[in-house]
């Protein structure tokens, strides 16, 4: 009987220990389930980006040369050869076209002949003047004879001077028979052909200089002031990632009657050979020294009787409430001037019900 009693007591002890172990296990499971039951909260975020308070305005323009000259012969004549075509690059003093030189050479020969004749006449008149002076000194000639000899000699000198200038002019005219480029550039138009008779100064070859390029755009009248005082940059459609500094060089004094816009020309000091004439460009105008602000959703602003704040999310899913300086309010957005860093992620929705101690999970959209 004693053995049976001891065995019964031992069985009851084992049963109690088993129940205690089961209870402890269940308690641990409850804690694990509780931890799993509190997942991180999904939140929508917005990225803080500061930019000028007044947004940039962009306009489409065209790259053009600052100087595009119509070059012509300085003497009339018949075109003998045209040495360039449209699109060809020319250097300084490169021949562009020539005239028939036959008449110009004849004029040069005639001037040289007159110069030789004037030289002979001056030699004769000078000798006569010297003889008259000698005779007058000896008393064998009158003053009237001396004056006549001096007048003849002066006329001969003037004739020789005129003949000399005529030789220079005809030589220059002969050199003008070849039209030379006065700067490095590109031929944009050819207005004469061989065999054509041209007048002096008539446009023959149009050359656009490479020295300086500019962007030509049409500016609306509401932004004329910004064009004069603002900061301008130019990007090419062929190089969208590269910006060129632009400076206003000229703006039309009156608006175009059809479009009511002002034609503006912005010089590009840093434009190199990669900036080709005729390229399409985008000109951006910004206000000078304007304050940089960030526009964020109005729903991201948290304010419970204190300073306006934003919830900033870090890479670990923790949120931190940071006060911000509010610049202004719009219908659906708030404009801030500081308080959070550039590129920070802020909670954009549901900030009034957010628990700062709870982990959050960034999502691109919320599903309900």
Protein backbone atom coordinates (compact mmCIF):
# COMPACT_ATOMS: atom_id res chain seq x y z
CA UNK A 1 0.00 0.00 0.00
CA UNK A 2 2.87 2.34 0.85
CA UNK A 3 4.49 1.76 -2.55
CA UNK A 4 1.24 2.40 -4.30
CA UNK A 5 0.82 5.69 -2.43
CA UNK A 6 4.34 6.86 -3.30
CA UNK A 7 3.77 6.02 -6.99
CA UNK A 8 0.53 7.97 -7.05
CA UNK A 9 2.18 11.03 -5.53
CA UNK A 10 5.03 10.89 -8.06
CA UNK A 11 2.55 10.70 -10.94
CA UNK A 12 0.74 13.78 -9.68
CA UNK A 13 4.04 15.67 -9.40
CA UNK A 14 4.98 14.84 -13.00
CA UNK A 15 1.57 15.95 -14.21
CA UNK A 16 1.97 19.29 -12.42
CA UNK A 17 5.38 19.86 -13.89
CA UNK A 18 4.07 19.07 -17.37
CA UNK A 19 1.22 21.56 -17.00
CA UNK A 20 3.67 24.24 -15.83
CA UNK A 21 5.93 23.63 -18.82
CA UNK A 22 2.97 23.82 -21.17
CA UNK A 23 1.87 27.08 -19.56
CA UNK A 24 5.34 28.60 -19.94
CA UNK A 25 5.47 27.50 -23.59
CA UNK A 26 2.07 29.02 -24.27
CA UNK A 27 3.16 32.27 -22.62
CA UNK A 28 6.22 32.43 -24.90
CA UNK A 29 4.06 31.79 -27.95
CA UNK A 30 1.76 34.59 -26.92
CA UNK A 31 4.69 37.00 -26.72
CA UNK A 32 5.93 35.91 -30.18
CA UNK A 33 2.46 36.25 -31.63
CA UNK A 34 2.16 39.69 -30.03
CA UNK A 35 5.42 40.75 -31.60
CA UNK A 36 4.31 39.46 -34.98
CA UNK A 37 0.97 41.13 -34.52
CA UNK A 38 2.59 44.60 -34.49
CA UNK A 39 4.07 44.98 -38.03
CA UNK A 40 5.67 48.22 -39.32
CA UNK A 41 3.17 50.77 -40.54
CA UNK A 42 3.18 51.56 -44.29
CA UNK A 43 3.50 55.27 -45.07
CA UNK A 44 3.62 57.37 -48.20
CA UNK A 45 6.64 59.66 -48.38
CA UNK A 46 7.66 62.73 -50.36
CA UNK A 47 11.18 63.88 -51.17
CA UNK A 48 12.25 67.37 -50.12
CA UNK A 49 13.67 69.37 -53.02
CA UNK A 50 14.60 73.04 -52.74
CA UNK A 51 14.34 75.28 -55.79
CA UNK A 52 13.90 78.93 -56.63
CA UNK A 53 10.72 80.44 -55.22
CA UNK A 54 9.86 81.76 -58.65
CA UNK A 55 10.18 78.81 -61.02
CA UNK A 56 12.40 79.05 -64.06
CA UNK A 57 10.78 79.87 -67.37
CA UNK A 58 12.05 78.12 -70.48
CA UNK A 59 11.90 79.17 -74.11
CA UNK A 60 12.89 77.45 -77.31
CA UNK A 61 15.48 79.29 -79.37
CA UNK A 62 17.97 78.88 -82.18
CA UNK A 63 21.75 79.18 -82.24
CA UNK A 64 22.82 81.91 -84.64
CA UNK A 65 26.03 83.84 -85.32
CA UNK A 66 26.35 87.27 -83.83
CA UNK A 67 27.76 88.59 -87.11
CA UNK A 68 26.57 87.34 -90.49
CA UNK A 69 27.89 89.57 -93.27
CA UNK A 70 27.01 89.83 -96.96
CA UNK A 71 30.38 90.19 -98.66
CA UNK A 72 30.69 91.79 -102.09
CA UNK A 73 33.27 93.03 -104.59
CA UNK A 74 34.45 96.60 -104.17
CA UNK A 75 34.65 97.06 -107.95
CA UNK A 76 32.17 96.19 -110.71
CA UNK A 77 32.87 93.41 -113.16
CA UNK A 78 32.02 89.98 -114.49
CA UNK A 79 32.29 87.03 -112.10
CA UNK A 80 34.95 84.64 -113.36
CA UNK A 81 34.88 81.98 -110.63
CA UNK A 82 33.04 81.20 -107.42
CA UNK A 83 35.38 79.24 -105.16
CA UNK A 84 33.09 78.26 -102.24
CA UNK A 85 29.73 76.60 -101.68
CA UNK A 86 27.11 76.80 -98.95
CA UNK A 87 28.20 75.10 -95.73
CA UNK A 88 31.90 75.37 -96.46
CA UNK A 89 34.19 76.62 -93.69
CA UNK A 90 36.50 79.47 -94.68
CA UNK A 91 39.55 81.00 -93.00
CA UNK A 92 40.87 84.53 -92.94
CA UNK A 93 42.04 85.80 -96.39
CA UNK A 94 40.72 82.71 -98.16
CA UNK A 95 39.51 83.54 -101.74
CA UNK A 96 35.76 83.29 -102.16
CA UNK A 97 35.26 84.45 -105.77
CA UNK A 98 37.11 86.30 -108.54
CA UNK A 99 36.25 88.79 -111.27
CA UNK A 100 37.51 89.00 -114.83
CA UNK A 101 40.70 91.11 -114.55
CA UNK A 102 41.14 92.18 -118.19
CA UNK A 103 39.59 95.66 -117.83
CA UNK A 104 41.22 96.20 -114.46
CA UNK A 105 44.65 95.34 -115.83
CA UNK A 106 44.14 97.76 -118.75
CA UNK A 107 43.23 100.52 -116.32
CA UNK A 108 46.36 99.75 -114.29
CA UNK A 109 48.55 99.91 -117.40
CA UNK A 110 46.96 103.21 -118.42
CA UNK A 111 47.64 104.70 -114.99
CA UNK A 112 51.26 103.58 -115.10
CA UNK A 113 51.67 105.16 -118.55
CA UNK A 114 50.28 108.44 -117.30
CA UNK A 115 52.67 108.25 -114.37
CA UNK A 116 55.65 107.86 -116.67
CA UNK A 117 54.46 110.77 -118.83
CA UNK A 118 53.99 112.95 -115.77
CA UNK A 119 57.48 112.06 -114.61
CA UNK A 120 58.96 113.27 -117.93
CA UNK A 121 56.95 116.50 -117.89
CA UNK A 122 58.08 117.24 -114.34
CA UNK A 123 61.73 116.72 -115.28
CA UNK A 124 61.39 119.19 -118.15
CA UNK A 125 59.46 121.75 -116.11
CA UNK A 126 61.93 121.46 -113.23
CA UNK A 127 64.87 122.15 -115.56
CA UNK A 128 63.11 125.17 -117.04
CA UNK A 129 62.43 126.52 -113.57
CA UNK A 130 66.07 126.17 -112.59
CA UNK A 131 67.25 127.99 -115.74
CA UNK A 132 64.82 130.82 -115.08
CA UNK A 133 66.17 131.17 -111.57
CA UNK A 134 69.75 131.30 -112.85
CA UNK A 135 68.91 133.87 -115.53
CA UNK A 136 66.96 135.99 -113.06
CA UNK A 137 69.92 135.97 -110.70
CA UNK A 138 72.14 137.33 -113.48
CA UNK A 139 69.55 139.90 -114.52
CA UNK A 140 68.88 138.33 -117.90
CA UNK A 141 65.27 137.27 -117.11
CA UNK A 142 62.30 139.11 -115.78
CA UNK A 143 60.18 138.23 -112.75
CA UNK A 144 57.30 137.32 -115.04
CA UNK A 145 59.40 134.69 -116.80
CA UNK A 146 60.47 133.23 -113.46
CA UNK A 147 56.90 133.09 -112.20
CA UNK A 148 55.75 131.36 -115.37
CA UNK A 149 58.49 128.73 -115.03
CA UNK A 150 57.54 128.12 -111.37
CA UNK A 151 53.86 127.73 -112.27
CA UNK A 152 54.68 125.20 -114.98
CA UNK A 153 56.86 123.21 -112.58
CA UNK A 154 54.17 123.22 -109.86
CA UNK A 155 51.60 121.96 -112.35
CA UNK A 156 53.96 119.17 -113.42
CA UNK A 157 54.48 118.14 -109.78
CA UNK A 158 50.72 118.05 -109.17
CA UNK A 159 50.21 116.01 -112.33
CA UNK A 160 52.84 113.52 -111.20
CA UNK A 161 51.21 113.28 -107.76
CA UNK A 162 47.81 112.66 -109.38
CA UNK A 163 49.28 110.01 -111.66
CA UNK A 164 50.92 108.29 -108.69
CA UNK A 165 47.61 108.14 -106.78
CA UNK A 166 45.91 106.82 -109.91
CA UNK A 167 48.45 103.98 -110.08
CA UNK A 168 47.75 103.10 -106.43
CA UNK A 169 43.99 103.12 -107.02
CA UNK A 170 44.19 100.89 -110.07
CA UNK A 171 46.44 98.47 -108.23
CA UNK A 172 43.94 98.35 -105.38
CA UNK A 173 41.11 97.83 -107.84
CA UNK A 174 43.03 94.95 -109.38
CA UNK A 175 43.44 93.37 -105.94
CA UNK A 176 39.71 93.82 -105.29
CA UNK A 177 39.02 91.47 -108.19
CA UNK A 178 39.54 88.62 -105.69
CA UNK A 179 36.96 88.52 -102.89
CA UNK A 180 38.67 87.43 -99.63
CA UNK A 181 37.15 86.27 -96.34
CA UNK A 182 37.89 88.75 -93.56
CA UNK A 183 37.31 86.26 -90.72
CA UNK A 184 36.90 82.57 -89.97
CA UNK A 185 33.36 81.41 -90.57
CA UNK A 186 30.96 79.32 -92.61
CA UNK A 187 29.33 80.16 -95.92
CA UNK A 188 25.56 80.43 -95.43
CA UNK A 189 24.58 81.69 -98.90
CA UNK A 190 26.07 82.14 -102.37
CA UNK A 191 24.37 84.99 -104.24
CA UNK A 192 26.41 85.08 -107.46
CA UNK A 193 27.41 82.59 -110.16
CA UNK A 194 30.17 82.61 -112.78
CA UNK A 195 29.33 84.80 -115.76
CA UNK A 196 27.14 87.15 -113.75
CA UNK A 197 27.93 90.88 -113.95
CA UNK A 198 27.86 92.51 -110.54
CA UNK A 199 27.97 96.08 -109.33
CA UNK A 200 30.33 97.40 -106.72
CA UNK A 201 29.07 96.48 -103.25
CA UNK A 202 26.50 93.95 -104.49
CA UNK A 203 26.11 91.01 -102.07
CA UNK A 204 27.99 87.99 -103.39
CA UNK A 205 28.83 85.59 -100.55
CA UNK A 206 27.20 85.49 -97.09
CA UNK A 207 29.54 84.38 -94.30
CA UNK A 208 28.59 83.71 -90.68
CA UNK A 209 31.49 84.30 -88.31
CA UNK A 210 32.58 81.75 -85.73
CA UNK A 211 33.91 84.40 -83.35
CA UNK A 212 30.76 84.57 -81.21
CA UNK A 213 27.48 82.70 -81.18
CA UNK A 214 24.18 83.60 -79.59
CA UNK A 215 20.78 82.15 -78.79
CA UNK A 216 17.82 83.97 -80.33
CA UNK A 217 14.45 83.56 -78.55
CA UNK A 218 11.07 85.28 -78.38
CA UNK A 219 10.28 86.65 -74.90
CA UNK A 220 6.70 87.49 -73.81
CA UNK A 221 6.15 91.00 -72.55
CA UNK A 222 5.49 89.80 -68.99
CA UNK A 223 9.06 88.47 -68.73
CA UNK A 224 11.01 91.29 -70.36
CA UNK A 225 12.16 92.51 -66.94
CA UNK A 226 13.40 89.05 -65.95
CA UNK A 227 15.25 88.77 -69.26
CA UNK A 228 17.12 92.02 -68.50
CA UNK A 229 17.90 91.37 -64.81
CA UNK A 230 17.65 87.60 -64.37
CA UNK A 231 20.08 84.73 -64.72
CA UNK A 232 20.00 82.99 -68.11
CA UNK A 233 21.35 79.59 -69.11
CA UNK A 234 21.17 77.69 -72.37
CA UNK A 235 21.05 73.95 -73.01
CA UNK A 236 21.21 72.33 -76.43
CA UNK A 237 18.78 69.64 -77.43
CA UNK A 238 21.77 67.62 -78.58
CA UNK A 239 23.48 68.05 -75.15
CA UNK A 240 20.67 68.26 -72.56
CA UNK A 241 23.04 67.70 -69.62
CA UNK A 242 25.36 70.61 -70.38
CA UNK A 243 24.53 74.23 -69.57
CA UNK A 244 26.04 77.34 -71.12
CA UNK A 245 26.09 80.73 -69.47
CA UNK A 246 24.10 83.29 -71.45
CA UNK A 247 24.15 87.08 -71.33
CA UNK A 248 21.53 89.35 -72.82
CA UNK A 249 23.11 91.32 -75.66
CA UNK A 250 20.14 92.82 -77.41
CA UNK A 251 16.36 92.96 -77.05
CA UNK A 252 13.94 94.38 -79.58
CA UNK A 253 12.60 97.85 -78.70
CA UNK A 254 9.06 96.88 -79.75
CA UNK A 255 6.99 93.71 -79.75
CA UNK A 256 6.25 91.68 -82.83
CA UNK A 257 2.80 92.77 -84.06
CA UNK A 258 1.65 89.20 -84.66
CA UNK A 259 2.99 87.29 -81.64
CA UNK A 260 3.35 90.21 -79.18
CA UNK A 261 6.76 88.91 -78.14
CA UNK A 262 10.15 90.61 -78.01
CA UNK A 263 13.05 89.16 -79.97
CA UNK A 264 16.00 88.74 -77.59
CA UNK A 265 19.58 87.75 -78.39
CA UNK A 266 21.72 86.12 -75.69
CA UNK A 267 25.46 85.80 -76.31
CA UNK A 268 27.19 82.51 -75.41
CA UNK A 269 30.80 83.28 -74.37
CA UNK A 270 31.56 79.64 -73.58
CA UNK A 271 30.22 78.12 -76.78
CA UNK A 272 32.85 76.09 -78.64
CA UNK A 273 32.98 74.36 -81.97
CA UNK A 274 30.51 71.72 -80.73
CA UNK A 275 27.79 74.37 -80.75
CA UNK A 276 26.76 74.39 -84.39
CA UNK A 277 24.82 77.17 -86.06
CA UNK A 278 21.13 76.42 -86.44
CA UNK A 279 20.95 74.06 -83.45
CA UNK A 280 17.82 74.13 -81.31
CA UNK A 281 18.35 75.33 -77.75
CA UNK A 282 16.35 75.89 -74.57
CA UNK A 283 16.87 79.17 -72.75
CA UNK A 284 16.02 79.19 -69.02
CA UNK A 285 15.39 82.42 -67.12
CA UNK A 286 15.54 82.62 -63.31
CA UNK A 287 15.22 85.53 -60.90
CA UNK A 288 18.55 86.69 -59.42
CA UNK A 289 19.31 85.76 -55.79
CA UNK A 290 15.86 84.39 -55.11
CA UNK A 291 15.15 82.38 -51.94
CA UNK A 292 15.11 78.61 -52.36
CA UNK A 293 12.01 76.84 -51.06
CA UNK A 294 10.48 73.36 -51.13
CA UNK A 295 6.87 72.59 -52.03
CA UNK A 296 5.38 69.66 -50.11
CA UNK A 297 1.88 68.16 -49.75
CA UNK A 298 -0.26 70.03 -47.26
CA UNK A 299 -1.17 66.69 -45.66
CA UNK A 300 2.46 66.20 -44.60
CA UNK A 301 2.37 69.15 -42.17
CA UNK A 302 1.92 68.25 -38.50
CA UNK A 303 0.77 70.92 -36.07
CA UNK A 304 -0.85 70.27 -32.69
CA UNK A 305 -0.77 73.70 -31.11
CA UNK A 306 2.98 74.07 -31.65
CA UNK A 307 5.32 74.92 -34.44
CA UNK A 308 4.57 73.33 -37.83
CA UNK A 309 6.63 70.15 -38.20
CA UNK A 310 7.31 67.27 -40.53
CA UNK A 311 7.94 63.60 -39.86
CA UNK A 312 11.29 62.61 -41.37
CA UNK A 313 11.84 58.93 -42.18
CA UNK A 314 15.35 57.46 -42.02
CA UNK A 315 16.68 54.33 -43.69
CA UNK A 316 15.81 52.11 -40.70
CA UNK A 317 12.12 52.99 -40.66
CA UNK A 318 12.31 55.37 -37.70
CA UNK A 319 10.49 58.71 -37.82
CA UNK A 320 11.60 61.98 -36.28
CA UNK A 321 9.47 65.08 -35.89
CA UNK A 322 11.33 68.22 -37.04
CA UNK A 323 10.02 71.80 -36.96
CA UNK A 324 10.10 73.69 -40.25
CA UNK A 325 9.86 77.32 -41.39
CA UNK A 326 6.68 77.77 -43.40
CA UNK A 327 6.89 80.35 -46.19
CA UNK A 328 3.33 80.17 -47.48
CA UNK A 329 0.35 77.93 -48.03
CA UNK A 330 -1.29 76.95 -51.29
CA UNK A 331 -4.49 75.08 -51.95
CA UNK A 332 -2.93 71.61 -51.74
CA UNK A 333 0.66 72.31 -50.74
CA UNK A 334 2.81 74.04 -48.20
CA UNK A 335 5.95 76.02 -49.05
CA UNK A 336 8.83 75.74 -46.57
CA UNK A 337 12.12 77.63 -46.50
CA UNK A 338 14.08 75.40 -44.10
CA UNK A 339 14.07 72.90 -41.28
CA UNK A 340 14.73 69.70 -43.23
CA UNK A 341 17.62 68.84 -45.49
CA UNK A 342 17.64 68.49 -49.25
CA UNK A 343 16.62 64.99 -50.33
CA UNK A 344 15.04 64.04 -46.98
CA UNK A 345 12.07 61.63 -46.98
CA UNK A 346 9.04 62.98 -45.13
CA UNK A 347 5.70 61.31 -44.35
CA UNK A 348 3.15 62.71 -46.76
CA UNK A 349 -0.11 61.26 -45.44
CA UNK A 350 -1.64 60.34 -42.07
CA UNK A 351 0.78 62.30 -39.88
CA UNK A 352 -1.93 63.08 -37.30
CA UNK A 353 -2.30 59.37 -36.45
CA UNK A 354 1.37 58.47 -36.65
CA UNK A 355 3.06 57.02 -33.56
CA UNK A 356 6.71 58.18 -33.42
CA UNK A 357 7.70 55.04 -31.50
CA UNK A 358 6.38 52.72 -34.20
CA UNK A 359 8.46 51.53 -37.12
CA UNK A 360 7.26 52.57 -40.56
CA UNK A 361 7.65 51.06 -43.98
CA UNK A 362 7.96 53.26 -47.07
CA UNK A 363 5.54 52.34 -49.87
CA UNK A 364 4.84 53.88 -53.24
CA UNK A 365 1.06 53.63 -52.86
CA UNK A 366 -1.46 52.58 -50.26
CA UNK A 367 -4.06 49.86 -50.95
CA UNK A 368 -7.35 49.74 -49.07
